[in-house]
């Protein structure tokens, strides 16, 4: 998709900002989730400890869903996007993508994981710097530093929590292993 006639050209966000947002929003929480599931399945001597690890894993999955689907769908911003000063929009009107379009976009990210090169090469070659998932959902990731200060503070805290949570989960796995 391209902007409609008469609309200004859309300028895509830089690739490093997109990668950092993806690490904060998905990779670190996914790592934490996987470690917690492994602890629940393989390293729990009792039903209570399995339930504890599984509940923590479910909480991480819920936070990721809230951030990547609900927040991004309603505002175009996730915690990682706020930290990196980027936003997901529909068209040059800078509208938030909405929840259905965000679900499609997130599902497309799993599809473009199959041939990994699409993820990394498409934005450099695709129209308007769109990834495969963005092109499929009709969205763009743009540079946008207009988030409120309170949102930026919360996003920084959540980014630190994402990275620290993953590190602590790895430490727990090493201790329990």
Foldseek 3Di string as FASTA:
>chain_A
DAADPPFDGAAFDDPVLVVQLCCLLPVLLVLLLVLLCCCLPPQDPDPVSNVVSNVVSVVSVVLSCCQQQVCQQQQQDGLSCQLSQKGKAAHRVRGRLHRVLSVQLVVVVVVCVVVVVQQVPCLVVPPNSDGPSCVVSRMGMHRHNPDDPVSNVVSVVSSVCSNVSSVVSVVVSVVSD
